[in-house]
Amino acid sequence: MQIIGGLLAVATLTAAAPSSTSDQPTPATTPPAAVASRNPAETLTPLLQQSLPNVKGKTFTSAIVDFPPGARARPHRHGKAFVYAYVLEGSVRSKLAGKPARTYHQGENWVEQPGAHHVLTENTNRTERARLLVVFVSDTGDKLKVDDPTS
């Protein structure tokens, strides 16, 4: 986990470091997006989006994902993005296809490999919200979250 923390620190410094080109870090302007489901929906609020100057075609994006009490995300993927998630507040249960479900509490974190199928993400608490800091390293222009088709 120390390696992941180091990677996050390097990615954060890379994203915040001044570039010799006109690519300066800018706050993301995408409005919060709600995901439709029968349960309350989570919202994703981008914080920073920055092209990586030393990795052509890649973008670093950080976001806060807020899960109201009882919220559950629809099954989804993050395309070809490498994803790092850190629990800021509350507890979140997460399950990737082929892996056991795990509950993460405040201060814990995990990663998702490119192409991973996220079959479960939910706030485990019915009265308190949960919040994540999520970092994506994605192909520039790709959607950060693609819900599974509904049947």
N, C-alpha and C. Protein backbone atom coordinates (compact mmCIF):
# COMPACT_ATOMS: atom_id res chain seq x y z
N MET A 1 0.82 -1.18 0.00
CA MET A 1 0.00 0.00 0.00
C MET A 1 0.86 1.25 0.00
N GLN A 2 2.09 1.16 0.56
CA GLN A 2 2.98 2.31 0.54
C GLN A 2 3.34 2.68 -0.89
N ILE A 3 3.47 1.67 -1.75
CA ILE A 3 3.77 1.93 -3.15
C ILE A 3 2.64 2.72 -3.78
N ILE A 4 1.40 2.34 -3.52
CA ILE A 4 0.25 3.04 -4.07
C ILE A 4 0.24 4.48 -3.59
N GLY A 5 0.48 4.68 -2.31
CA GLY A 5 0.54 6.04 -1.77
C GLY A 5 1.62 6.85 -2.47
N GLY A 6 2.76 6.24 -2.73
CA GLY A 6 3.84 6.92 -3.44
C GLY A 6 3.44 7.26 -4.86
N LEU A 7 2.76 6.32 -5.54
CA LEU A 7 2.29 6.59 -6.89
C LEU A 7 1.32 7.75 -6.91
N LEU A 8 0.41 7.78 -5.93
CA LEU A 8 -0.55 8.88 -5.86
C LEU A 8 0.18 10.20 -5.65
N ALA A 9 1.17 10.20 -4.78
CA ALA A 9 1.92 11.43 -4.52
C ALA A 9 2.64 11.89 -5.78
N VAL A 10 3.27 10.96 -6.50
CA VAL A 10 3.97 11.31 -7.74
C VAL A 10 2.98 11.83 -8.77
N ALA A 11 1.85 11.14 -8.91
CA ALA A 11 0.84 11.57 -9.88
C ALA A 11 0.31 12.95 -9.52
N THR A 12 0.09 13.20 -8.25
CA THR A 12 -0.40 14.50 -7.81
C THR A 12 0.63 15.58 -8.10
N LEU A 13 1.89 15.31 -7.80
CA LEU A 13 2.94 16.29 -8.08
C LEU A 13 3.09 16.51 -9.57
N THR A 14 3.02 15.44 -10.35
CA THR A 14 3.11 15.56 -11.80
C THR A 14 1.98 16.42 -12.33
N ALA A 15 0.77 16.18 -11.82
CA ALA A 15 -0.38 16.93 -12.30
C ALA A 15 -0.30 18.39 -11.89
N ALA A 16 0.28 18.68 -10.74
CA ALA A 16 0.32 20.04 -10.24
C ALA A 16 1.56 20.79 -10.69
N ALA A 17 2.58 20.08 -11.18
CA ALA A 17 3.83 20.73 -11.55
C ALA A 17 3.64 21.59 -12.78
N PRO A 18 4.25 22.78 -12.81
CA PRO A 18 4.18 23.61 -14.00
C PRO A 18 4.82 22.90 -15.18
N SER A 19 4.26 23.11 -16.33
CA SER A 19 4.75 22.48 -17.55
C SER A 19 5.43 23.54 -18.41
N SER A 20 6.34 23.12 -19.27
CA SER A 20 7.00 24.07 -20.14
C SER A 20 6.10 24.47 -21.30
N THR A 21 4.98 23.78 -21.48
CA THR A 21 4.01 24.16 -22.51
C THR A 21 2.88 24.92 -21.85
N SER A 22 1.86 25.19 -22.62
CA SER A 22 0.73 25.94 -22.06
C SER A 22 -0.25 25.04 -21.32
N ASP A 23 0.06 23.76 -21.17
CA ASP A 23 -0.81 22.84 -20.43
C ASP A 23 -0.67 23.08 -18.94
N GLN A 24 -1.43 23.99 -18.41
CA GLN A 24 -1.42 24.26 -16.98
C GLN A 24 -2.58 23.51 -16.33
N PRO A 25 -2.44 23.07 -15.09
CA PRO A 25 -3.54 22.40 -14.41
C PRO A 25 -4.75 23.32 -14.36
N THR A 26 -5.88 22.76 -14.63
CA THR A 26 -7.11 23.54 -14.56
C THR A 26 -8.14 22.77 -13.79
N PRO A 27 -8.97 23.46 -13.04
CA PRO A 27 -10.03 22.75 -12.35
C PRO A 27 -10.97 22.13 -13.39
N ALA A 28 -11.43 20.93 -13.12
CA ALA A 28 -12.38 20.30 -14.02
C ALA A 28 -13.69 21.08 -13.97
N THR A 29 -14.33 21.22 -15.11
CA THR A 29 -15.56 22.00 -15.17
C THR A 29 -16.78 21.15 -15.40
N THR A 30 -16.60 19.84 -15.44
CA THR A 30 -17.73 18.95 -15.62
C THR A 30 -18.65 19.03 -14.41
N PRO A 31 -19.97 19.22 -14.61
CA PRO A 31 -20.86 19.28 -13.46
C PRO A 31 -20.98 17.93 -12.80
N PRO A 32 -21.35 17.91 -11.52
CA PRO A 32 -21.54 16.62 -10.85
C PRO A 32 -22.54 15.77 -11.63
N ALA A 33 -22.27 14.48 -11.72
CA ALA A 33 -23.15 13.57 -12.45
C ALA A 33 -23.76 12.57 -11.48
N ALA A 34 -25.05 12.39 -11.57
CA ALA A 34 -25.73 11.40 -10.74
C ALA A 34 -25.98 10.15 -11.58
N VAL A 35 -25.90 9.02 -10.96
CA VAL A 35 -26.13 7.75 -11.63
C VAL A 35 -27.50 7.24 -11.21
N ALA A 36 -28.32 6.92 -12.20
CA ALA A 36 -29.68 6.46 -11.90
C ALA A 36 -29.66 5.02 -11.39
N SER A 37 -30.41 4.77 -10.35
CA SER A 37 -30.59 3.42 -9.82
C SER A 37 -31.81 3.44 -8.91
N ARG A 38 -32.25 2.26 -8.46
CA ARG A 38 -33.38 2.21 -7.54
C ARG A 38 -32.98 2.73 -6.17
N ASN A 39 -31.73 2.59 -5.80
CA ASN A 39 -31.21 3.13 -4.55
C ASN A 39 -30.82 4.58 -4.78
N PRO A 40 -30.56 5.32 -3.71
CA PRO A 40 -30.03 6.67 -3.92
C PRO A 40 -28.77 6.59 -4.80
N ALA A 41 -28.51 7.64 -5.54
CA ALA A 41 -27.39 7.64 -6.48
C ALA A 41 -26.16 8.30 -5.89
N GLU A 42 -25.00 7.86 -6.36
CA GLU A 42 -23.75 8.52 -6.00
C GLU A 42 -23.54 9.70 -6.96
N THR A 43 -22.73 10.65 -6.55
CA THR A 43 -22.36 11.76 -7.44
C THR A 43 -20.84 11.81 -7.55
N LEU A 44 -20.37 12.16 -8.72
CA LEU A 44 -18.95 12.29 -8.99
C LEU A 44 -18.68 13.76 -9.32
N THR A 45 -17.82 14.39 -8.52
CA THR A 45 -17.47 15.79 -8.72
C THR A 45 -15.98 15.88 -9.05
N PRO A 46 -15.63 16.15 -10.32
CA PRO A 46 -14.22 16.28 -10.68
C PRO A 46 -13.55 17.44 -9.95
N LEU A 47 -12.31 17.24 -9.54
CA LEU A 47 -11.53 18.28 -8.86
C LEU A 47 -10.48 18.88 -9.79
N LEU A 48 -9.71 18.02 -10.44
CA LEU A 48 -8.61 18.46 -11.29
C LEU A 48 -8.48 17.51 -12.46
N GLN A 49 -8.25 18.09 -13.63
CA GLN A 49 -8.01 17.28 -14.82
C GLN A 49 -6.80 17.88 -15.52
N GLN A 50 -5.79 17.04 -15.77
CA GLN A 50 -4.52 17.53 -16.31
C GLN A 50 -3.92 16.50 -17.24
N SER A 51 -3.58 16.93 -18.45
CA SER A 51 -2.83 16.05 -19.35
C SER A 51 -1.48 15.79 -18.71
N LEU A 52 -1.01 14.56 -18.80
CA LEU A 52 0.31 14.24 -18.26
C LEU A 52 1.36 14.64 -19.29
N PRO A 53 2.22 15.59 -18.95
CA PRO A 53 3.16 16.10 -19.94
C PRO A 53 4.21 15.08 -20.37
N ASN A 54 4.49 14.09 -19.54
CA ASN A 54 5.51 13.10 -19.87
C ASN A 54 4.92 11.77 -20.33
N VAL A 55 3.59 11.70 -20.49
CA VAL A 55 2.94 10.49 -20.97
C VAL A 55 1.90 10.90 -22.01
N LYS A 56 2.31 10.92 -23.26
CA LYS A 56 1.45 11.38 -24.35
C LYS A 56 0.15 10.58 -24.40
N GLY A 57 -0.97 11.31 -24.51
CA GLY A 57 -2.27 10.68 -24.65
C GLY A 57 -2.92 10.26 -23.34
N LYS A 58 -2.30 10.58 -22.19
CA LYS A 58 -2.86 10.20 -20.89
C LYS A 58 -3.26 11.44 -20.10
N THR A 59 -4.33 11.30 -19.32
CA THR A 59 -4.84 12.39 -18.49
C THR A 59 -5.00 11.90 -17.06
N PHE A 60 -4.62 12.76 -16.12
CA PHE A 60 -4.80 12.54 -14.68
C PHE A 60 -6.06 13.29 -14.28
N THR A 61 -6.99 12.60 -13.62
CA THR A 61 -8.21 13.24 -13.13
C THR A 61 -8.42 12.81 -11.69
N SER A 62 -8.70 13.78 -10.83
CA SER A 62 -9.08 13.45 -9.46
C SER A 62 -10.52 13.90 -9.26
N ALA A 63 -11.25 13.18 -8.42
CA ALA A 63 -12.66 13.47 -8.20
C ALA A 63 -13.07 13.00 -6.81
N ILE A 64 -14.13 13.61 -6.32
CA ILE A 64 -14.77 13.16 -5.08
C ILE A 64 -16.04 12.43 -5.49
N VAL A 65 -16.21 11.22 -4.97
CA VAL A 65 -17.44 10.47 -5.20
C VAL A 65 -18.18 10.42 -3.86
N ASP A 66 -19.39 10.95 -3.86
CA ASP A 66 -20.21 11.04 -2.66
C ASP A 66 -21.34 10.01 -2.74
N PHE A 67 -21.43 9.17 -1.72
CA PHE A 67 -22.48 8.16 -1.62
C PHE A 67 -23.40 8.54 -0.47
N PRO A 68 -24.62 9.01 -0.76
CA PRO A 68 -25.57 9.26 0.33
C PRO A 68 -25.86 7.95 1.08
N PRO A 69 -26.49 8.02 2.24
CA PRO A 69 -26.83 6.80 2.96
C PRO A 69 -27.57 5.81 2.06
N GLY A 70 -27.09 4.57 2.04
CA GLY A 70 -27.74 3.51 1.26
C GLY A 70 -27.51 3.57 -0.23
N ALA A 71 -26.67 4.47 -0.72
CA ALA A 71 -26.45 4.61 -2.17
C ALA A 71 -25.68 3.41 -2.71
N ARG A 72 -26.01 3.05 -3.94
CA ARG A 72 -25.35 1.95 -4.64
C ARG A 72 -25.16 2.36 -6.10
N ALA A 73 -23.94 2.20 -6.59
CA ALA A 73 -23.65 2.49 -8.00
C ALA A 73 -24.08 1.31 -8.86
N ARG A 74 -24.47 1.62 -10.08
CA ARG A 74 -24.75 0.54 -11.04
C ARG A 74 -23.43 -0.13 -11.41
N PRO A 75 -23.47 -1.41 -11.78
CA PRO A 75 -22.24 -2.06 -12.26
C PRO A 75 -21.66 -1.25 -13.42
N HIS A 76 -20.33 -1.14 -13.45
CA HIS A 76 -19.71 -0.27 -14.44
C HIS A 76 -18.25 -0.66 -14.67
N ARG A 77 -17.66 0.03 -15.63
CA ARG A 77 -16.23 -0.07 -15.93
C ARG A 77 -15.67 1.34 -16.04
N HIS A 78 -14.36 1.42 -15.98
CA HIS A 78 -13.69 2.70 -16.15
C HIS A 78 -12.81 2.67 -17.39
N GLY A 79 -13.26 1.94 -18.41
CA GLY A 79 -12.53 1.87 -19.67
C GLY A 79 -11.12 1.35 -19.46
N LYS A 80 -10.17 2.05 -20.06
CA LYS A 80 -8.76 1.67 -19.96
C LYS A 80 -8.05 2.41 -18.84
N ALA A 81 -8.81 3.07 -17.97
CA ALA A 81 -8.20 3.86 -16.90
C ALA A 81 -7.67 2.98 -15.77
N PHE A 82 -6.55 3.40 -15.21
CA PHE A 82 -6.06 2.86 -13.95
C PHE A 82 -6.72 3.72 -12.88
N VAL A 83 -7.32 3.07 -11.87
CA VAL A 83 -8.10 3.79 -10.86
C VAL A 83 -7.54 3.54 -9.47
N TYR A 84 -7.43 4.61 -8.70
CA TYR A 84 -7.04 4.55 -7.29
C TYR A 84 -8.17 5.18 -6.49
N ALA A 85 -8.65 4.50 -5.46
CA ALA A 85 -9.73 5.02 -4.61
C ALA A 85 -9.28 5.03 -3.16
N TYR A 86 -9.60 6.13 -2.47
CA TYR A 86 -9.25 6.32 -1.06
C TYR A 86 -10.51 6.75 -0.32
N VAL A 87 -10.85 6.07 0.77
CA VAL A 87 -12.06 6.38 1.53
C VAL A 87 -11.78 7.57 2.45
N LEU A 88 -12.45 8.68 2.16
CA LEU A 88 -12.32 9.89 2.96
C LEU A 88 -13.21 9.85 4.19
N GLU A 89 -14.38 9.23 4.02
CA GLU A 89 -15.40 9.27 5.08
C GLU A 89 -16.31 8.06 4.92
N GLY A 90 -16.69 7.43 6.02
CA GLY A 90 -17.64 6.32 5.98
C GLY A 90 -17.00 5.01 5.58
N SER A 91 -17.84 4.12 5.03
CA SER A 91 -17.42 2.79 4.59
C SER A 91 -18.08 2.47 3.26
N VAL A 92 -17.32 1.82 2.39
CA VAL A 92 -17.81 1.46 1.06
C VAL A 92 -17.50 -0.01 0.81
N ARG A 93 -18.50 -0.75 0.35
CA ARG A 93 -18.29 -2.14 -0.06
C ARG A 93 -18.05 -2.13 -1.57
N SER A 94 -17.01 -2.85 -1.99
CA SER A 94 -16.63 -2.87 -3.40
C SER A 94 -16.36 -4.30 -3.83
N LYS A 95 -16.75 -4.61 -5.06
CA LYS A 95 -16.47 -5.93 -5.62
C LYS A 95 -16.16 -5.80 -7.09
N LEU A 96 -15.00 -6.34 -7.47
CA LEU A 96 -14.63 -6.43 -8.88
C LEU A 96 -14.93 -7.84 -9.34
N ALA A 97 -15.29 -8.00 -10.60
CA ALA A 97 -15.59 -9.33 -11.15
C ALA A 97 -14.42 -10.27 -10.88
N GLY A 98 -14.75 -11.47 -10.40
CA GLY A 98 -13.74 -12.48 -10.14
C GLY A 98 -13.01 -12.33 -8.82
N LYS A 99 -13.36 -11.31 -8.05
CA LYS A 99 -12.72 -11.07 -6.75
C LYS A 99 -13.79 -11.06 -5.67
N PRO A 100 -13.43 -11.35 -4.42
CA PRO A 100 -14.42 -11.28 -3.35
C PRO A 100 -14.78 -9.83 -3.02
N ALA A 101 -15.99 -9.61 -2.52
CA ALA A 101 -16.40 -8.29 -2.06
C ALA A 101 -15.58 -7.94 -0.82
N ARG A 102 -15.30 -6.64 -0.68
CA ARG A 102 -14.53 -6.19 0.49
C ARG A 102 -15.09 -4.84 0.93
N THR A 103 -15.14 -4.63 2.23
CA THR A 103 -15.58 -3.35 2.77
C THR A 103 -14.35 -2.54 3.16
N TYR A 104 -14.30 -1.31 2.67
CA TYR A 104 -13.20 -0.39 2.95
C TYR A 104 -13.72 0.72 3.86
N HIS A 105 -12.95 1.03 4.88
CA HIS A 105 -13.32 2.05 5.87
C HIS A 105 -12.45 3.29 5.69
N GLN A 106 -12.85 4.37 6.35
CA GLN A 106 -12.10 5.63 6.28
C GLN A 106 -10.61 5.37 6.43
N GLY A 107 -9.82 5.93 5.50
CA GLY A 107 -8.37 5.78 5.52
C GLY A 107 -7.84 4.60 4.72
N GLU A 108 -8.72 3.71 4.24
CA GLU A 108 -8.28 2.57 3.44
C GLU A 108 -8.41 2.90 1.95
N ASN A 109 -7.74 2.10 1.12
CA ASN A 109 -7.73 2.37 -0.31
C ASN A 109 -7.60 1.10 -1.12
N TRP A 110 -7.82 1.24 -2.43
CA TRP A 110 -7.66 0.12 -3.35
C TRP A 110 -7.38 0.65 -4.75
N VAL A 111 -7.00 -0.26 -5.64
CA VAL A 111 -6.78 0.09 -7.03
C VAL A 111 -7.61 -0.83 -7.92
N GLU A 112 -7.89 -0.33 -9.11
CA GLU A 112 -8.58 -1.12 -10.13
C GLU A 112 -7.75 -1.06 -11.40
N GLN A 113 -7.48 -2.20 -11.96
CA GLN A 113 -6.69 -2.28 -13.18
C GLN A 113 -7.53 -1.84 -14.38
N PRO A 114 -6.90 -1.38 -15.45
CA PRO A 114 -7.64 -1.00 -16.65
C PRO A 114 -8.54 -2.15 -17.13
N GLY A 115 -9.78 -1.82 -17.47
CA GLY A 115 -10.74 -2.81 -17.96
C GLY A 115 -11.48 -3.57 -16.89
N ALA A 116 -11.16 -3.34 -15.61
CA ALA A 116 -11.83 -4.06 -14.52
C ALA A 116 -13.34 -3.81 -14.55
N HIS A 117 -14.10 -4.83 -14.23
CA HIS A 117 -15.57 -4.72 -14.16
C HIS A 117 -15.95 -4.56 -12.70
N HIS A 118 -16.47 -3.40 -12.36
CA HIS A 118 -16.86 -3.08 -10.99
C HIS A 118 -18.33 -3.49 -10.83
N VAL A 119 -18.58 -4.63 -10.22
CA VAL A 119 -19.94 -5.16 -10.14
C VAL A 119 -20.71 -4.68 -8.92
N LEU A 120 -20.00 -4.15 -7.91
CA LEU A 120 -20.68 -3.65 -6.71
C LEU A 120 -19.87 -2.50 -6.12
N THR A 121 -20.56 -1.42 -5.84
CA THR A 121 -20.00 -0.30 -5.06
C THR A 121 -21.16 0.27 -4.29
N GLU A 122 -21.09 0.21 -2.96
CA GLU A 122 -22.21 0.73 -2.18
C GLU A 122 -21.75 1.27 -0.84
N ASN A 123 -22.52 2.24 -0.34
CA ASN A 123 -22.34 2.76 1.00
C ASN A 123 -22.94 1.71 1.94
N THR A 124 -22.18 1.26 2.90
CA THR A 124 -22.66 0.22 3.81
C THR A 124 -23.53 0.78 4.93
N ASN A 125 -23.61 2.09 5.04
CA ASN A 125 -24.35 2.72 6.14
C ASN A 125 -25.67 3.29 5.63
N ARG A 126 -26.75 3.09 6.36
CA ARG A 126 -28.08 3.58 5.97
C ARG A 126 -28.38 4.96 6.53
N THR A 127 -27.49 5.51 7.38
CA THR A 127 -27.76 6.82 7.98
C THR A 127 -26.65 7.86 7.76
N GLU A 128 -25.46 7.42 7.37
CA GLU A 128 -24.32 8.34 7.17
C GLU A 128 -23.81 8.21 5.74
N ARG A 129 -23.32 9.30 5.18
CA ARG A 129 -22.77 9.26 3.83
C ARG A 129 -21.37 8.66 3.84
N ALA A 130 -20.91 8.28 2.66
CA ALA A 130 -19.53 7.84 2.45
C ALA A 130 -18.97 8.68 1.31
N ARG A 131 -17.67 8.98 1.40
CA ARG A 131 -17.02 9.78 0.35
C ARG A 131 -15.68 9.17 0.00
N LEU A 132 -15.39 9.18 -1.30
CA LEU A 132 -14.13 8.66 -1.83
C LEU A 132 -13.38 9.76 -2.57
N LEU A 133 -12.07 9.73 -2.49
CA LEU A 133 -11.22 10.45 -3.42
C LEU A 133 -10.83 9.40 -4.46
N VAL A 134 -11.12 9.68 -5.72
CA VAL A 134 -10.81 8.73 -6.78
C VAL A 134 -9.89 9.42 -7.78
N VAL A 135 -8.83 8.71 -8.16
CA VAL A 135 -7.88 9.22 -9.13
C VAL A 135 -7.88 8.29 -10.33
N PHE A 136 -8.01 8.88 -11.51
CA PHE A 136 -8.01 8.13 -12.76
C PHE A 136 -6.79 8.54 -13.58
N VAL A 137 -6.08 7.58 -14.15
CA VAL A 137 -5.10 7.85 -15.18
C VAL A 137 -5.68 7.16 -16.42
N SER A 138 -6.19 7.98 -17.33
CA SER A 138 -6.97 7.46 -18.45
C SER A 138 -6.44 7.96 -19.78
N ASP A 139 -6.93 7.34 -20.85
CA ASP A 139 -6.65 7.86 -22.19
C ASP A 139 -7.39 9.19 -22.30
N THR A 140 -6.71 10.20 -22.81
CA THR A 140 -7.30 11.52 -22.95
C THR A 140 -8.58 11.44 -23.77
N GLY A 141 -9.66 12.01 -23.22
CA GLY A 141 -10.94 12.04 -23.91
C GLY A 141 -11.87 10.88 -23.57
N ASP A 142 -11.38 9.84 -22.92
CA ASP A 142 -12.24 8.71 -22.56
C ASP A 142 -13.20 9.10 -21.43
N LYS A 143 -14.38 8.46 -21.43
CA LYS A 143 -15.31 8.62 -20.31
C LYS A 143 -14.69 7.94 -19.09
N LEU A 144 -14.92 8.54 -17.92
CA LEU A 144 -14.35 7.98 -16.70
C LEU A 144 -15.16 6.84 -16.14
N LYS A 145 -16.45 6.77 -16.47
CA LYS A 145 -17.31 5.71 -15.96
C LYS A 145 -18.34 5.36 -17.01
N VAL A 146 -18.46 4.08 -17.30
CA VAL A 146 -19.45 3.61 -18.27
C VAL A 146 -20.28 2.54 -17.58
N ASP A 147 -21.55 2.87 -17.32
CA ASP A 147 -22.46 1.90 -16.66
C ASP A 147 -22.75 0.74 -17.59
N ASP A 148 -22.96 -0.44 -17.01
CA ASP A 148 -23.41 -1.60 -17.78
C ASP A 148 -24.77 -1.27 -18.37
N PRO A 149 -25.06 -1.82 -19.55
CA PRO A 149 -26.41 -1.62 -20.10
C PRO A 149 -27.46 -2.22 -19.17
N THR A 150 -28.61 -1.59 -19.08
CA THR A 150 -29.70 -2.14 -18.27
C THR A 150 -30.41 -3.20 -19.07
N SER A 151 -30.93 -4.21 -18.37
CA SER A 151 -31.63 -5.28 -19.09
C SER A 151 -33.11 -5.26 -18.80
